[in-house]
Amino acid sequence: MKEVIWEFFKRHMSYSGEELAKFKENPDFERIVERGQEMNQWTVVAEVIKSEHCFSGHKVGDKFYLDPFGNLLTHKNPKRICIYALEPLSKAIFHISEQLYTGRDPNEIVFRNYHCFDVGLACGGWGEIVVRVSVVKR
């Protein structure tokens, strides 16, 4: 089974045989690839828990869906998503992925709330949202 996983990864990344061998030199990377199937069972949900004057119109209760690799699940998301709301989610995905790579519960991350780039009207910006991340099995 390992060879099937590695062959898929090689094709997916467009690696040559030499590049794959270089990648596999890092034992941590090897563990990541071997856990890839498990990671595909999870969806990261970022729910808007605060919204004040959001230019893109995001409201409390709106949800953004991503996979643990950082890809938007476009078929599940609103048609319009503010790029400034997504940027801080890269940090959340990093922490969630680390949990999954090491076999820990991805919902045990301590910092779950993320603020969009805009500081809000009171601090000289336009508006703001805060999202709370969680991870659910597909």
Protein backbone atom coordinates (compact mmCIF):
# COMPACT_ATOMS: atom_id res chain seq x y z
CA MET A 1 0.00 0.00 0.00
CA LYS A 2 2.87 2.40 0.78
CA GLU A 3 4.13 2.18 -2.78
CA VAL A 4 0.69 3.12 -4.15
CA ILE A 5 0.61 6.17 -1.88
CA TRP A 6 4.11 7.21 -2.91
CA GLU A 7 3.36 6.75 -6.60
CA PHE A 8 0.23 8.91 -6.24
CA PHE A 9 2.21 11.58 -4.39
CA LYS A 10 4.96 11.53 -7.01
CA ARG A 11 2.42 12.08 -9.81
CA HIS A 12 0.47 14.69 -7.85
CA MET A 13 3.60 16.75 -7.19
CA SER A 14 5.07 16.12 -10.66
CA TYR A 15 8.27 14.91 -9.00
CA SER A 16 10.93 13.02 -10.89
CA GLY A 17 12.31 9.88 -9.26
CA GLU A 18 15.31 11.87 -8.03
CA GLU A 19 13.10 14.60 -6.59
CA LEU A 20 10.96 12.06 -4.76
CA ALA A 21 14.09 10.45 -3.33
CA LYS A 22 15.26 13.88 -2.12
CA PHE A 23 11.84 14.51 -0.54
CA LYS A 24 11.91 11.12 1.20
CA GLU A 25 15.25 11.94 2.85
CA ASN A 26 13.29 13.83 5.49
CA PRO A 27 11.56 11.25 7.75
CA ASP A 28 9.02 13.86 8.86
CA PHE A 29 7.90 14.34 5.26
CA GLU A 30 7.53 10.60 4.87
CA ARG A 31 5.17 10.52 7.86
CA ILE A 32 3.15 13.38 6.38
CA VAL A 33 2.60 11.61 3.08
CA GLU A 34 1.68 8.36 4.75
CA ARG A 35 -0.98 10.18 6.81
CA GLY A 36 -2.41 11.88 3.73
CA GLN A 37 -5.31 9.46 3.41
CA GLU A 38 -6.33 10.11 7.01
CA MET A 39 -6.15 13.86 6.45
CA ASN A 40 -8.56 13.60 3.55
CA GLN A 41 -11.23 12.54 6.04
CA TRP A 42 -11.34 15.98 7.65
CA THR A 43 -12.82 19.35 6.76
CA VAL A 44 -11.78 22.62 8.36
CA VAL A 45 -14.72 24.92 9.05
CA ALA A 46 -14.17 28.61 9.73
CA GLU A 47 -17.39 30.13 11.05
CA VAL A 48 -17.88 33.87 11.27
CA ILE A 49 -18.53 34.67 14.94
CA LYS A 50 -18.25 38.46 14.69
CA SER A 51 -18.97 40.77 11.79
CA GLU A 52 -19.04 44.55 11.77
CA HIS A 53 -19.29 46.52 8.52
CA CYS A 54 -17.69 43.77 6.42
CA PHE A 55 -17.22 45.10 2.88
CA SER A 56 -17.69 41.62 1.42
CA GLY A 57 -20.91 41.15 3.37
CA HIS A 58 -19.83 38.26 5.57
CA LYS A 59 -22.30 37.79 8.41
CA VAL A 60 -22.24 35.91 11.71
CA GLY A 61 -22.93 32.26 10.94
CA ASP A 62 -21.32 32.26 7.48
CA LYS A 63 -18.89 29.38 7.03
CA PHE A 64 -15.80 28.82 4.92
CA TYR A 65 -14.72 25.25 4.18
CA LEU A 66 -11.17 24.08 3.53
CA ASP A 67 -9.30 20.81 3.51
CA PRO A 68 -6.41 20.31 5.98
CA PHE A 69 -3.95 20.97 3.14
CA GLY A 70 -5.20 24.57 2.82
CA ASN A 71 -7.41 24.21 -0.25
CA LEU A 72 -10.79 25.91 -0.38
CA LEU A 73 -13.59 23.42 -0.97
CA THR A 74 -15.10 25.71 -3.57
CA HIS A 75 -18.33 23.76 -4.02
CA LYS A 76 -19.21 24.31 -0.34
CA ASN A 77 -18.18 27.94 0.07
CA PRO A 78 -20.04 31.20 -0.52
CA LYS A 79 -19.61 32.59 -4.03
CA ARG A 80 -17.76 35.57 -2.62
CA ILE A 81 -14.99 35.34 0.02
CA CYS A 82 -12.81 38.20 1.15
CA ILE A 83 -9.11 37.49 0.66
CA TYR A 84 -8.39 39.31 3.92
CA ALA A 85 -10.53 36.80 5.80
CA LEU A 86 -8.61 33.88 4.27
CA GLU A 87 -5.06 35.05 4.97
CA PRO A 88 -5.13 34.43 8.74
CA LEU A 89 -6.65 31.00 8.12
CA SER A 90 -3.30 29.86 6.73
CA LYS A 91 -2.02 29.91 10.30
CA ALA A 92 -4.98 27.85 11.52
CA ILE A 93 -4.47 25.30 8.74
CA PHE A 94 -0.80 25.04 9.67
CA HIS A 95 -1.65 24.19 13.29
CA ILE A 96 -4.44 21.80 12.34
CA SER A 97 -2.23 20.01 9.83
CA GLU A 98 0.53 19.65 12.40
CA GLN A 99 -1.96 17.98 14.76
CA LEU A 100 -3.05 15.56 12.04
CA TYR A 101 0.50 14.84 10.84
CA THR A 102 1.46 13.79 14.35
CA GLY A 103 -1.69 11.75 15.00
CA ARG A 104 -3.26 14.17 17.47
CA ASP A 105 -6.83 15.46 17.62
CA PRO A 106 -7.02 18.50 15.30
CA ASN A 107 -9.64 20.11 17.53
CA GLU A 108 -7.18 20.37 20.41
CA ILE A 109 -5.56 23.50 19.04
CA VAL A 110 -5.65 26.26 21.62
CA PHE A 111 -6.02 29.31 19.40
CA ARG A 112 -9.21 28.93 17.34
CA ASN A 113 -10.27 32.51 16.64
CA TYR A 114 -8.78 34.48 13.76
CA HIS A 115 -9.34 38.10 12.81
CA CYS A 116 -9.41 39.35 9.26
CA PHE A 117 -6.74 41.77 8.11
CA ASP A 118 -8.98 44.85 8.53
CA VAL A 119 -8.80 46.40 12.00
CA GLY A 120 -12.35 47.75 11.88
CA LEU A 121 -13.86 51.21 11.76
CA ALA A 122 -12.99 52.07 15.39
CA CYS A 123 -9.27 51.56 14.66
CA GLY A 124 -9.08 53.28 11.27
CA GLY A 125 -10.22 50.45 8.99
CA TRP A 126 -13.48 49.75 7.18
CA GLY A 127 -14.95 46.74 8.94
CA GLU A 128 -13.95 43.43 10.42
CA ILE A 129 -14.82 39.81 10.97
CA VAL A 130 -13.62 37.13 13.35
CA VAL A 131 -13.86 33.44 12.51
CA ARG A 132 -13.63 30.40 14.77
CA VAL A 133 -12.11 27.25 13.31
CA SER A 134 -13.10 23.68 13.98
CA VAL A 135 -12.40 20.41 12.23
CA VAL A 136 -15.08 17.86 11.35
CA LYS A 137 -14.96 14.37 9.84
CA ARG A 138 -16.34 14.22 6.32
